[in-house]
Amino acid sequence: MQTTIEEIEKYKVKLSIEVPPEEYKKEVDKAYRAVAQAVRIPGFRKGKAPKQIIDTQVGREAVVEQFLREALYTYYLE
């Protein structure tokens, strides 16, 4: 993981974090599992819906939001 810090103004900085693709994929998969556990999709057991069904029923935005909620804090601390 690579990070860079840019000073934008006197008291503002921009933090850029570059995450390796394999680590990103692992975190997105974890977010899909969390969303699958949280929603009930007819025809599937809780937590067992495939990614494509989650995307169409719930929306990719829910997965991205879950990813950011969980992973962003971890990456920030590292």
N, C-alpha and C. Protein backbone atom coordinates (compact mmCIF):
# COMPACT_ATOMS: atom_id res chain seq x y z
N MET A 1 0.85 -1.17 0.00
CA MET A 1 0.00 0.00 0.00
C MET A 1 0.89 1.23 0.00
N GLN A 2 0.54 2.18 -0.85
CA GLN A 2 1.33 3.40 -0.98
C GLN A 2 0.45 4.59 -0.64
N THR A 3 0.98 5.50 0.15
CA THR A 3 0.24 6.70 0.52
C THR A 3 1.04 7.95 0.18
N THR A 4 0.32 9.01 -0.14
CA THR A 4 0.94 10.31 -0.37
C THR A 4 0.09 11.37 0.32
N ILE A 5 0.76 12.40 0.81
CA ILE A 5 0.09 13.50 1.49
C ILE A 5 0.46 14.80 0.78
N GLU A 6 -0.56 15.56 0.39
CA GLU A 6 -0.35 16.86 -0.23
C GLU A 6 -0.96 17.93 0.65
N GLU A 7 -0.25 19.00 0.86
CA GLU A 7 -0.81 20.12 1.61
C GLU A 7 -1.55 21.01 0.62
N ILE A 8 -2.86 21.17 0.84
CA ILE A 8 -3.69 21.96 -0.06
C ILE A 8 -3.74 23.41 0.39
N GLU A 9 -4.06 23.62 1.64
CA GLU A 9 -4.08 24.95 2.23
C GLU A 9 -3.32 24.87 3.55
N LYS A 10 -3.39 25.93 4.31
CA LYS A 10 -2.62 25.97 5.55
C LYS A 10 -2.99 24.83 6.50
N TYR A 11 -4.27 24.56 6.65
CA TYR A 11 -4.71 23.52 7.59
C TYR A 11 -5.45 22.38 6.90
N LYS A 12 -5.26 22.23 5.60
CA LYS A 12 -5.91 21.15 4.86
C LYS A 12 -4.87 20.34 4.12
N VAL A 13 -5.04 19.02 4.16
CA VAL A 13 -4.15 18.13 3.41
C VAL A 13 -5.01 17.14 2.63
N LYS A 14 -4.42 16.61 1.56
CA LYS A 14 -5.07 15.59 0.76
C LYS A 14 -4.28 14.30 0.94
N LEU A 15 -4.97 13.26 1.38
CA LEU A 15 -4.36 11.96 1.61
C LEU A 15 -4.78 11.02 0.49
N SER A 16 -3.82 10.50 -0.25
CA SER A 16 -4.10 9.55 -1.33
C SER A 16 -3.54 8.19 -0.92
N ILE A 17 -4.39 7.16 -1.04
CA ILE A 17 -4.00 5.80 -0.67
C ILE A 17 -4.16 4.91 -1.89
N GLU A 18 -3.11 4.21 -2.25
CA GLU A 18 -3.16 3.26 -3.36
C GLU A 18 -3.15 1.86 -2.77
N VAL A 19 -4.21 1.12 -3.05
CA VAL A 19 -4.38 -0.23 -2.51
C VAL A 19 -4.07 -1.25 -3.61
N PRO A 20 -3.28 -2.27 -3.30
CA PRO A 20 -3.00 -3.31 -4.29
C PRO A 20 -4.29 -4.01 -4.73
N PRO A 21 -4.37 -4.42 -6.00
CA PRO A 21 -5.60 -5.03 -6.52
C PRO A 21 -6.08 -6.26 -5.75
N GLU A 22 -5.17 -7.11 -5.32
CA GLU A 22 -5.60 -8.31 -4.60
C GLU A 22 -6.20 -7.97 -3.24
N GLU A 23 -5.67 -6.96 -2.58
CA GLU A 23 -6.22 -6.53 -1.30
C GLU A 23 -7.58 -5.86 -1.50
N TYR A 24 -7.71 -5.07 -2.57
CA TYR A 24 -8.98 -4.42 -2.89
C TYR A 24 -10.05 -5.46 -3.16
N LYS A 25 -9.72 -6.49 -3.94
CA LYS A 25 -10.68 -7.55 -4.26
C LYS A 25 -11.14 -8.26 -2.99
N LYS A 26 -10.20 -8.51 -2.09
CA LYS A 26 -10.54 -9.18 -0.84
C LYS A 26 -11.51 -8.34 -0.01
N GLU A 27 -11.28 -7.05 0.04
CA GLU A 27 -12.15 -6.15 0.82
C GLU A 27 -13.53 -6.00 0.18
N VAL A 28 -13.58 -5.96 -1.15
CA VAL A 28 -14.87 -5.86 -1.84
C VAL A 28 -15.68 -7.15 -1.63
N ASP A 29 -15.01 -8.29 -1.66
CA ASP A 29 -15.70 -9.56 -1.40
C ASP A 29 -16.27 -9.57 0.02
N LYS A 30 -15.52 -9.04 0.96
CA LYS A 30 -16.00 -8.95 2.35
C LYS A 30 -17.23 -8.04 2.43
N ALA A 31 -17.23 -6.95 1.67
CA ALA A 31 -18.37 -6.04 1.65
C ALA A 31 -19.59 -6.72 1.05
N TYR A 32 -19.41 -7.51 -0.02
CA TYR A 32 -20.52 -8.26 -0.61
C TYR A 32 -21.11 -9.22 0.41
N ARG A 33 -20.26 -9.91 1.16
CA ARG A 33 -20.77 -10.85 2.17
C ARG A 33 -21.56 -10.12 3.25
N ALA A 34 -21.08 -8.94 3.66
CA ALA A 34 -21.78 -8.17 4.69
C ALA A 34 -23.15 -7.70 4.19
N VAL A 35 -23.21 -7.24 2.95
CA VAL A 35 -24.49 -6.80 2.39
C VAL A 35 -25.42 -7.99 2.24
N ALA A 36 -24.90 -9.13 1.80
CA ALA A 36 -25.73 -10.33 1.63
C ALA A 36 -26.31 -10.78 2.96
N GLN A 37 -25.58 -10.62 4.04
CA GLN A 37 -26.08 -10.98 5.37
C GLN A 37 -27.15 -10.01 5.85
N ALA A 38 -27.07 -8.76 5.41
CA ALA A 38 -27.97 -7.72 5.91
C ALA A 38 -29.32 -7.69 5.18
N VAL A 39 -29.40 -8.19 3.96
CA VAL A 39 -30.64 -8.10 3.19
C VAL A 39 -31.25 -9.48 2.97
N ARG A 40 -32.54 -9.49 2.71
CA ARG A 40 -33.26 -10.73 2.41
C ARG A 40 -33.68 -10.67 0.95
N ILE A 41 -33.16 -11.58 0.15
CA ILE A 41 -33.48 -11.65 -1.28
C ILE A 41 -34.27 -12.94 -1.51
N PRO A 42 -35.49 -12.82 -2.03
CA PRO A 42 -36.32 -14.01 -2.26
C PRO A 42 -35.62 -15.03 -3.17
N GLY A 43 -35.71 -16.29 -2.78
CA GLY A 43 -35.12 -17.37 -3.57
C GLY A 43 -33.73 -17.76 -3.11
N PHE A 44 -33.16 -17.02 -2.15
CA PHE A 44 -31.81 -17.31 -1.66
C PHE A 44 -31.82 -17.32 -0.13
N ARG A 45 -31.01 -18.20 0.42
CA ARG A 45 -30.83 -18.18 1.88
C ARG A 45 -30.08 -16.92 2.26
N LYS A 46 -30.27 -16.48 3.48
CA LYS A 46 -29.63 -15.26 3.96
C LYS A 46 -28.10 -15.41 3.86
N GLY A 47 -27.48 -14.45 3.17
CA GLY A 47 -26.04 -14.45 3.02
C GLY A 47 -25.53 -15.28 1.86
N LYS A 48 -26.42 -15.89 1.06
CA LYS A 48 -25.99 -16.78 -0.01
C LYS A 48 -26.28 -16.26 -1.41
N ALA A 49 -26.79 -15.04 -1.53
CA ALA A 49 -27.10 -14.49 -2.86
C ALA A 49 -25.81 -14.17 -3.60
N PRO A 50 -25.76 -14.46 -4.92
CA PRO A 50 -24.56 -14.14 -5.70
C PRO A 50 -24.41 -12.63 -5.91
N LYS A 51 -23.20 -12.24 -6.27
CA LYS A 51 -22.88 -10.83 -6.44
C LYS A 51 -23.78 -10.15 -7.47
N GLN A 52 -24.05 -10.82 -8.58
CA GLN A 52 -24.86 -10.22 -9.63
C GLN A 52 -26.28 -9.92 -9.14
N ILE A 53 -26.83 -10.81 -8.34
CA ILE A 53 -28.18 -10.61 -7.80
C ILE A 53 -28.17 -9.47 -6.80
N ILE A 54 -27.14 -9.39 -5.97
CA ILE A 54 -27.03 -8.28 -5.02
C ILE A 54 -26.95 -6.96 -5.77
N ASP A 55 -26.17 -6.92 -6.85
CA ASP A 55 -26.05 -5.69 -7.63
C ASP A 55 -27.39 -5.26 -8.22
N THR A 56 -28.18 -6.22 -8.72
CA THR A 56 -29.45 -5.84 -9.34
C THR A 56 -30.54 -5.54 -8.32
N GLN A 57 -30.56 -6.28 -7.21
CA GLN A 57 -31.62 -6.10 -6.22
C GLN A 57 -31.35 -4.94 -5.26
N VAL A 58 -30.13 -4.83 -4.80
CA VAL A 58 -29.78 -3.83 -3.79
C VAL A 58 -29.05 -2.64 -4.42
N GLY A 59 -28.18 -2.94 -5.38
CA GLY A 59 -27.40 -1.89 -6.04
C GLY A 59 -25.93 -1.97 -5.66
N ARG A 60 -25.09 -1.69 -6.63
CA ARG A 60 -23.64 -1.70 -6.40
C ARG A 60 -23.25 -0.62 -5.39
N GLU A 61 -24.04 0.45 -5.32
CA GLU A 61 -23.75 1.55 -4.40
C GLU A 61 -23.74 1.08 -2.95
N ALA A 62 -24.63 0.16 -2.61
CA ALA A 62 -24.68 -0.36 -1.23
C ALA A 62 -23.40 -1.11 -0.90
N VAL A 63 -22.86 -1.84 -1.86
CA VAL A 63 -21.62 -2.58 -1.65
C VAL A 63 -20.45 -1.61 -1.51
N VAL A 64 -20.41 -0.61 -2.37
CA VAL A 64 -19.34 0.39 -2.29
C VAL A 64 -19.40 1.14 -0.97
N GLU A 65 -20.60 1.49 -0.53
CA GLU A 65 -20.75 2.17 0.76
C GLU A 65 -20.26 1.30 1.91
N GLN A 66 -20.61 0.02 1.87
CA GLN A 66 -20.14 -0.92 2.91
C GLN A 66 -18.62 -1.04 2.88
N PHE A 67 -18.07 -1.13 1.67
CA PHE A 67 -16.61 -1.21 1.51
C PHE A 67 -15.94 0.02 2.12
N LEU A 68 -16.44 1.19 1.80
CA LEU A 68 -15.84 2.42 2.32
C LEU A 68 -15.99 2.51 3.83
N ARG A 69 -17.14 2.10 4.33
CA ARG A 69 -17.37 2.17 5.78
C ARG A 69 -16.39 1.29 6.54
N GLU A 70 -16.10 0.10 6.01
CA GLU A 70 -15.21 -0.82 6.72
C GLU A 70 -13.73 -0.61 6.40
N ALA A 71 -13.40 -0.54 5.13
CA ALA A 71 -12.00 -0.56 4.72
C ALA A 71 -11.30 0.79 4.84
N LEU A 72 -12.03 1.86 4.61
CA LEU A 72 -11.40 3.18 4.62
C LEU A 72 -10.74 3.48 5.96
N TYR A 73 -11.41 3.16 7.04
CA TYR A 73 -10.86 3.41 8.37
C TYR A 73 -9.58 2.59 8.58
N THR A 74 -9.60 1.34 8.15
CA THR A 74 -8.43 0.48 8.29
C THR A 74 -7.25 1.02 7.50
N TYR A 75 -7.50 1.42 6.25
CA TYR A 75 -6.43 1.97 5.42
C TYR A 75 -5.90 3.29 5.99
N TYR A 76 -6.80 4.09 6.54
CA TYR A 76 -6.38 5.35 7.15
C TYR A 76 -5.44 5.11 8.33
N LEU A 77 -5.76 4.13 9.15
CA LEU A 77 -4.91 3.84 10.31
C LEU A 77 -3.53 3.30 9.90
N GLU A 78 -3.51 2.51 8.82
CA GLU A 78 -2.23 1.96 8.37
C GLU A 78 -1.36 3.06 7.82
